[in-house]
Structure formats: C-alpha cells, structure tokens
Amino acid sequence: MSIRILLPLIALIGTLGAQAQGKKSTLVDRRDQASGWYVPVHGKVTASGGDTKNLSIKIYRENELIGQITTKRGRFTLELDLESSYSILVEKEGYLSKLVTIDTHTPDQEVSYPAYDCFLNLEPADKFTHSDPFYLDFPSAVVRWNQEMSGFYHSNHYLTDIQTKMAFLQAQAVPN
C-alpha cells in the first residue's frame, strides 16, 4: 500500500474511532502540525448599492504589492497567510476606491476560525468633489483577530467612526 493511500486511511480510522467514542476529532490541534495556514476572505463589492462589474483588486502584504486580480462579478476570494499585515485596495473606474487593512496575526493555539466576509460599497467619485478629502484616504475597515468572537472581524469602533466622518463628507457634498 502506498503512503498516499495509507496516510488518509490512518486519518479516517482515527476520526471514526474518536466519533465512536463520542469525542470531537480534528486532524490538527496545533499549528506546528501542518503548514499553509491562511485566513480565507470572501468579498462582495457593490457600487451605489447595486451589483457591479469590472473591479480591480490589489493585494499588498507589508505594504508591498503581491498581486492584482480583476473580477467581472463583484465577488472575490482571497487566502491570506497568517502572521502578516495586508491591505486590500478595490478600484472601479468612476468610483472612489476602498481600502481594507487585515492583520492576520492570531494566538498560537488557534487552529480553527471562520472566513472573514467582506462587504464593500463603492460611491461615485464625483459625489465628494465639494468635500474635504482628508478622510477619503483612510481605510474603510480595519480587520484583526477578535479574542471574544474567536475569529477575524472588523473593528466596530473604527467602522462607526469612519462611517460618521463619511456621513459628514456626504453632507458637505451637496453644494448650497
């Protein structure tokens, strides 16, 4: 029997044995038991609240461009390595770009967590022509490990603050 068949068979027997004893079984319970750990990110982007197409998504790791993808349907999936800092820049012609920062550092004992669901809405670039552009350069969301929720989540405090600032900019956008 080859090793390729033997290893999955041993894992299956171990899983079945633990289930028979009524125990929860995992194939990995420490990070040093496997390689390739990553944070899954599922993204959906809308424009002015509706479906959008033809987006450019740039991925930066530690402020260095590592990749760029184009999506025709407004959806994307990323797998970000653990223990790094990422910036995801979403761009569409005629719209303000959105930036999301994601810190993938986790406690060493964490081996299981949900994917981060990222929802972004792009606004027309000309909507803010009469506004102070200062807050337009800030990230739309800051995502990091949340100990209480055992997963990657955006900072509600930061999100509330930046949304308030954007509401003030929107109020300025309508000339008197």
C-alpha atoms as a PDB file:
ATOM      1  CA  MET A   1       0.000   0.000   0.000  1.00  0.00           C
ATOM      2  CA  SER A   2       1.483   3.379  -0.948  1.00  0.00           C
ATOM      3  CA  ILE A   3       2.000   6.189   1.562  1.00  0.00           C
ATOM      4  CA  ARG A   4      -0.570   8.369  -0.268  1.00  0.00           C
ATOM      5  CA  ILE A   5      -3.302   5.833   0.453  1.00  0.00           C
ATOM      6  CA  LEU A   6      -2.036   4.858   3.917  1.00  0.00           C
ATOM      7  CA  LEU A   7      -1.993   8.372   5.446  1.00  0.00           C
ATOM      8  CA  PRO A   8      -5.616   9.269   4.572  1.00  0.00           C
ATOM      9  CA  LEU A   9      -6.673   5.819   5.737  1.00  0.00           C
ATOM     10  CA  ILE A  10      -4.975   6.346   9.115  1.00  0.00           C
ATOM     11  CA  ALA A  11      -6.643   9.779   9.462  1.00  0.00           C
ATOM     12  CA  LEU A  12     -10.043   8.286   8.599  1.00  0.00           C
ATOM     13  CA  ILE A  13      -9.620   5.462  11.108  1.00  0.00           C
ATOM     14  CA  GLY A  14      -8.615   7.969  13.802  1.00  0.00           C
ATOM     15  CA  THR A  15     -11.645  10.147  13.022  1.00  0.00           C
ATOM     16  CA  LEU A  16     -14.038   7.191  13.053  1.00  0.00           C
ATOM     17  CA  GLY A  17     -12.552   5.896  16.303  1.00  0.00           C
ATOM     18  CA  ALA A  18     -12.994   9.271  18.011  1.00  0.00           C
ATOM     19  CA  GLN A  19     -16.555   9.570  16.710  1.00  0.00           C
ATOM     20  CA  ALA A  20     -17.348   6.092  18.012  1.00  0.00           C
ATOM     21  CA  GLN A  21     -16.197   7.224  21.470  1.00  0.00           C
ATOM     22  CA  GLY A  22     -18.357  10.387  21.202  1.00  0.00           C
ATOM     23  CA  LYS A  23     -15.360  12.748  21.076  1.00  0.00           C
ATOM     24  CA  LYS A  24     -14.897  15.716  18.781  1.00  0.00           C
ATOM     25  CA  SER A  25     -11.995  14.973  16.474  1.00  0.00           C
ATOM     26  CA  THR A  26      -9.777  17.297  14.494  1.00  0.00           C
ATOM     27  CA  LEU A  27      -6.969  16.362  12.186  1.00  0.00           C
ATOM     28  CA  VAL A  28      -4.857  19.209  13.558  1.00  0.00           C
ATOM     29  CA  ASP A  29      -4.948  20.709  17.015  1.00  0.00           C
ATOM     30  CA  ARG A  30      -1.716  22.727  16.907  1.00  0.00           C
ATOM     31  CA  ARG A  31      -0.325  24.929  14.153  1.00  0.00           C
ATOM     32  CA  ASP A  32       3.035  23.193  14.150  1.00  0.00           C
ATOM     33  CA  GLN A  33       1.280  20.015  12.924  1.00  0.00           C
ATOM     34  CA  ALA A  34       0.621  21.465   9.469  1.00  0.00           C
ATOM     35  CA  SER A  35       1.792  24.129   7.072  1.00  0.00           C
ATOM     36  CA  GLY A  36      -0.008  26.551   4.809  1.00  0.00           C
ATOM     37  CA  TRP A  37      -2.258  28.245   7.370  1.00  0.00           C
ATOM     38  CA  TYR A  38      -4.230  31.116   5.940  1.00  0.00           C
ATOM     39  CA  VAL A  39      -7.211  33.386   6.553  1.00  0.00           C
ATOM     40  CA  PRO A  40      -9.974  32.955   3.972  1.00  0.00           C
ATOM     41  CA  VAL A  41     -11.579  36.238   2.869  1.00  0.00           C
ATOM     42  CA  HIS A  42     -14.841  36.206   0.895  1.00  0.00           C
ATOM     43  CA  GLY A  43     -15.599  39.572  -0.670  1.00  0.00           C
ATOM     44  CA  LYS A  44     -18.656  41.120  -2.290  1.00  0.00           C
ATOM     45  CA  VAL A  45     -18.499  44.612  -3.745  1.00  0.00           C
ATOM     46  CA  THR A  46     -21.429  46.764  -4.806  1.00  0.00           C
ATOM     47  CA  ALA A  47     -21.473  50.212  -6.412  1.00  0.00           C
ATOM     48  CA  SER A  48     -24.049  52.755  -5.228  1.00  0.00           C
ATOM     49  CA  GLY A  49     -25.836  49.868  -3.515  1.00  0.00           C
ATOM     50  CA  GLY A  50     -26.263  47.742  -6.653  1.00  0.00           C
ATOM     51  CA  ASP A  51     -24.394  44.956  -8.372  1.00  0.00           C
ATOM     52  CA  THR A  52     -21.177  45.922 -10.067  1.00  0.00           C
ATOM     53  CA  LYS A  53     -18.738  44.534 -12.597  1.00  0.00           C
ATOM     54  CA  ASN A  54     -15.139  45.013 -13.696  1.00  0.00           C
ATOM     55  CA  LEU A  55     -13.294  45.658 -10.457  1.00  0.00           C
ATOM     56  CA  SER A  56      -9.570  45.767  -9.885  1.00  0.00           C
ATOM     57  CA  ILE A  57      -8.371  44.372  -6.565  1.00  0.00           C
ATOM     58  CA  LYS A  58      -4.777  44.937  -5.474  1.00  0.00           C
ATOM     59  CA  ILE A  59      -3.331  42.938  -2.584  1.00  0.00           C
ATOM     60  CA  TYR A  60      -0.462  44.382  -0.552  1.00  0.00           C
ATOM     61  CA  ARG A  61       1.461  42.417   2.074  1.00  0.00           C
ATOM     62  CA  GLU A  62       3.540  44.509   4.463  1.00  0.00           C
ATOM     63  CA  ASN A  63       2.979  47.474   2.059  1.00  0.00           C
ATOM     64  CA  GLU A  64       4.396  45.608  -0.954  1.00  0.00           C
ATOM     65  CA  LEU A  65       2.157  44.799  -3.923  1.00  0.00           C
ATOM     66  CA  ILE A  66       1.956  40.998  -4.158  1.00  0.00           C
ATOM     67  CA  GLY A  67      -0.893  40.572  -6.606  1.00  0.00           C
ATOM     68  CA  GLN A  68      -3.744  42.025  -8.545  1.00  0.00           C
ATOM     69  CA  ILE A  69      -6.960  40.413  -9.685  1.00  0.00           C
ATOM     70  CA  THR A  70      -9.828  41.585 -11.829  1.00  0.00           C
ATOM     71  CA  THR A  71     -13.327  40.410 -11.121  1.00  0.00           C
ATOM     72  CA  LYS A  72     -16.226  40.721 -13.516  1.00  0.00           C
ATOM     73  CA  ARG A  73     -18.967  39.885 -10.999  1.00  0.00           C
ATOM     74  CA  GLY A  74     -18.077  41.951  -7.918  1.00  0.00           C
ATOM     75  CA  ARG A  75     -17.055  38.910  -5.860  1.00  0.00           C
ATOM     76  CA  PHE A  76     -13.629  37.680  -4.805  1.00  0.00           C
ATOM     77  CA  THR A  77     -11.973  35.116  -2.547  1.00  0.00           C
ATOM     78  CA  LEU A  78      -8.524  35.526  -1.012  1.00  0.00           C
ATOM     79  CA  GLU A  79      -6.346  33.271   1.125  1.00  0.00           C
ATOM     80  CA  LEU A  80      -4.073  35.462   3.258  1.00  0.00           C
ATOM     81  CA  ASP A  81      -1.105  33.923   5.076  1.00  0.00           C
ATOM     82  CA  LEU A  82      -1.153  34.081   8.856  1.00  0.00           C
ATOM     83  CA  GLU A  83       1.093  36.411  10.840  1.00  0.00           C
ATOM     84  CA  SER A  84       1.115  39.227   8.271  1.00  0.00           C
ATOM     85  CA  SER A  85      -0.449  42.609   7.574  1.00  0.00           C
ATOM     86  CA  TYR A  86      -2.402  43.105   4.359  1.00  0.00           C
ATOM     87  CA  SER A  87      -4.068  45.966   2.544  1.00  0.00           C
ATOM     88  CA  ILE A  88      -6.768  45.200   0.002  1.00  0.00           C
ATOM     89  CA  LEU A  89      -7.478  48.030  -2.451  1.00  0.00           C
ATOM     90  CA  VAL A  90     -10.685  47.800  -4.503  1.00  0.00           C
ATOM     91  CA  GLU A  91     -10.926  50.104  -7.521  1.00  0.00           C
ATOM     92  CA  LYS A  92     -13.512  50.760 -10.212  1.00  0.00           C
ATOM     93  CA  GLU A  93     -13.387  53.464 -12.842  1.00  0.00           C
ATOM     94  CA  GLY A  94     -15.555  56.443 -11.896  1.00  0.00           C
ATOM     95  CA  TYR A  95     -15.794  55.419  -8.213  1.00  0.00           C
ATOM     96  CA  LEU A  96     -13.820  56.173  -5.072  1.00  0.00           C
ATOM     97  CA  SER A  97     -11.502  53.303  -4.207  1.00  0.00           C
ATOM     98  CA  LYS A  98     -11.901  51.389  -0.926  1.00  0.00           C
ATOM     99  CA  LEU A  99      -9.068  50.140   1.230  1.00  0.00           C
ATOM    100  CA  VAL A 100      -9.377  47.411   3.876  1.00  0.00           C
ATOM    101  CA  THR A 101      -6.499  46.521   6.186  1.00  0.00           C
ATOM    102  CA  ILE A 102      -6.310  42.981   7.558  1.00  0.00           C
ATOM    103  CA  ASP A 103      -3.943  41.889  10.324  1.00  0.00           C
ATOM    104  CA  THR A 104      -3.716  38.074  10.217  1.00  0.00           C
ATOM    105  CA  HIS A 105      -1.820  37.593  13.481  1.00  0.00           C
ATOM    106  CA  THR A 106      -3.540  35.067  15.749  1.00  0.00           C
ATOM    107  CA  PRO A 107      -2.854  33.464  19.111  1.00  0.00           C
ATOM    108  CA  ASP A 108      -0.618  30.382  18.672  1.00  0.00           C
ATOM    109  CA  GLN A 109      -3.249  27.951  19.949  1.00  0.00           C
ATOM    110  CA  GLU A 110      -5.879  28.980  17.356  1.00  0.00           C
ATOM    111  CA  VAL A 111      -6.295  26.404  14.588  1.00  0.00           C
ATOM    112  CA  SER A 112      -9.914  26.926  13.570  1.00  0.00           C
ATOM    113  CA  TYR A 113     -11.808  30.106  12.708  1.00  0.00           C
ATOM    114  CA  PRO A 114     -14.442  31.241  10.218  1.00  0.00           C
ATOM    115  CA  ALA A 115     -13.702  33.037   6.971  1.00  0.00           C
ATOM    116  CA  TYR A 116     -13.896  36.817   7.046  1.00  0.00           C
ATOM    117  CA  ASP A 117     -16.858  38.055   4.988  1.00  0.00           C
ATOM    118  CA  CYS A 118     -16.015  41.435   3.458  1.00  0.00           C
ATOM    119  CA  PHE A 119     -18.818  43.624   2.061  1.00  0.00           C
ATOM    120  CA  LEU A 120     -17.903  46.920   0.384  1.00  0.00           C
ATOM    121  CA  ASN A 121     -19.990  49.563  -1.350  1.00  0.00           C
ATOM    122  CA  LEU A 122     -18.289  51.952  -3.758  1.00  0.00           C
ATOM    123  CA  GLU A 123     -19.537  55.520  -4.166  1.00  0.00           C
ATOM    124  CA  PRO A 124     -19.238  57.644  -7.334  1.00  0.00           C
ATOM    125  CA  ALA A 125     -16.026  59.708  -7.342  1.00  0.00           C
ATOM    126  CA  ASP A 126     -17.823  62.912  -8.234  1.00  0.00           C
ATOM    127  CA  LYS A 127     -20.083  62.624  -5.175  1.00  0.00           C
ATOM    128  CA  PHE A 128     -17.404  64.117  -2.909  1.00  0.00           C
ATOM    129  CA  THR A 129     -15.964  66.837  -5.174  1.00  0.00           C
ATOM    130  CA  HIS A 130     -17.065  69.603  -2.765  1.00  0.00           C
ATOM    131  CA  SER A 131     -15.849  67.791   0.378  1.00  0.00           C
ATOM    132  CA  ASP A 132     -12.680  67.909   2.421  1.00  0.00           C
ATOM    133  CA  PRO A 133     -10.725  64.888   1.061  1.00  0.00           C
ATOM    134  CA  PHE A 134      -8.860  64.184   4.330  1.00  0.00           C
ATOM    135  CA  TYR A 135     -10.925  61.146   5.431  1.00  0.00           C
ATOM    136  CA  LEU A 136     -11.182  59.696   1.935  1.00  0.00           C
ATOM    137  CA  ASP A 137      -7.657  58.275   2.308  1.00  0.00           C
ATOM    138  CA  PHE A 138      -8.454  56.283   5.475  1.00  0.00           C
ATOM    139  CA  PRO A 139      -9.158  52.529   5.277  1.00  0.00           C
ATOM    140  CA  SER A 140     -12.840  51.613   5.115  1.00  0.00           C
ATOM    141  CA  ALA A 141     -12.302  48.856   7.664  1.00  0.00           C
ATOM    142  CA  VAL A 142      -9.604  47.536   9.976  1.00  0.00           C
ATOM    143  CA  VAL A 143      -9.799  43.760  10.426  1.00  0.00           C
ATOM    144  CA  ARG A 144      -7.932  41.780  13.072  1.00  0.00           C
ATOM    145  CA  TRP A 145      -8.281  38.828  15.431  1.00  0.00           C
ATOM    146  CA  ASN A 146     -11.124  39.235  17.937  1.00  0.00           C
ATOM    147  CA  GLN A 147     -10.487  37.126  21.029  1.00  0.00           C
ATOM    148  CA  GLU A 148     -14.099  37.188  22.302  1.00  0.00           C
ATOM    149  CA  MET A 149     -15.500  36.084  18.939  1.00  0.00           C
ATOM    150  CA  SER A 150     -12.621  33.688  18.073  1.00  0.00           C
ATOM    151  CA  GLY A 151     -12.261  34.971  14.546  1.00  0.00           C
ATOM    152  CA  PHE A 152     -11.294  37.812  12.249  1.00  0.00           C
ATOM    153  CA  TYR A 153     -13.667  40.753  12.441  1.00  0.00           C
ATOM    154  CA  HIS A 154     -13.591  44.446  11.643  1.00  0.00           C
ATOM    155  CA  SER A 155     -13.259  46.925  14.482  1.00  0.00           C
ATOM    156  CA  ASN A 156     -16.772  48.214  15.171  1.00  0.00           C
ATOM    157  CA  HIS A 157     -15.358  51.291  16.920  1.00  0.00           C
ATOM    158  CA  TYR A 158     -13.228  52.222  13.893  1.00  0.00           C
ATOM    159  CA  LEU A 159     -16.033  51.413  11.443  1.00  0.00           C
ATOM    160  CA  THR A 160     -18.534  53.587  13.332  1.00  0.00           C
ATOM    161  CA  ASP A 161     -16.043  56.451  13.480  1.00  0.00           C
ATOM    162  CA  ILE A 162     -15.123  56.333   9.783  1.00  0.00           C
ATOM    163  CA  GLN A 163     -18.790  55.984   8.739  1.00  0.00           C
ATOM    164  CA  THR A 164     -19.638  59.073  10.816  1.00  0.00           C
ATOM    165  CA  LYS A 165     -16.836  61.016   9.121  1.00  0.00           C
ATOM    166  CA  MET A 166     -18.057  59.855   5.701  1.00  0.00           C
ATOM    167  CA  ALA A 167     -21.616  60.954   6.557  1.00  0.00           C
ATOM    168  CA  PHE A 168     -20.261  64.438   7.344  1.00  0.00           C
ATOM    169  CA  LEU A 169     -18.424  64.427   3.996  1.00  0.00           C
ATOM    170  CA  GLN A 170     -21.607  63.375   2.253  1.00  0.00           C
ATOM    171  CA  ALA A 171     -23.445  66.285   3.882  1.00  0.00           C
ATOM    172  CA  GLN A 172     -20.745  68.600   2.543  1.00  0.00           C
ATOM    173  CA  ALA A 173     -21.061  67.034  -0.910  1.00  0.00           C
ATOM    174  CA  VAL A 174     -24.313  68.811  -1.657  1.00  0.00           C
ATOM    175  CA  PRO A 175     -23.445  72.421  -2.528  1.00  0.00           C
ATOM    176  CA  ASN A 176     -25.683  75.128  -1.058  1.00  0.00           C
END
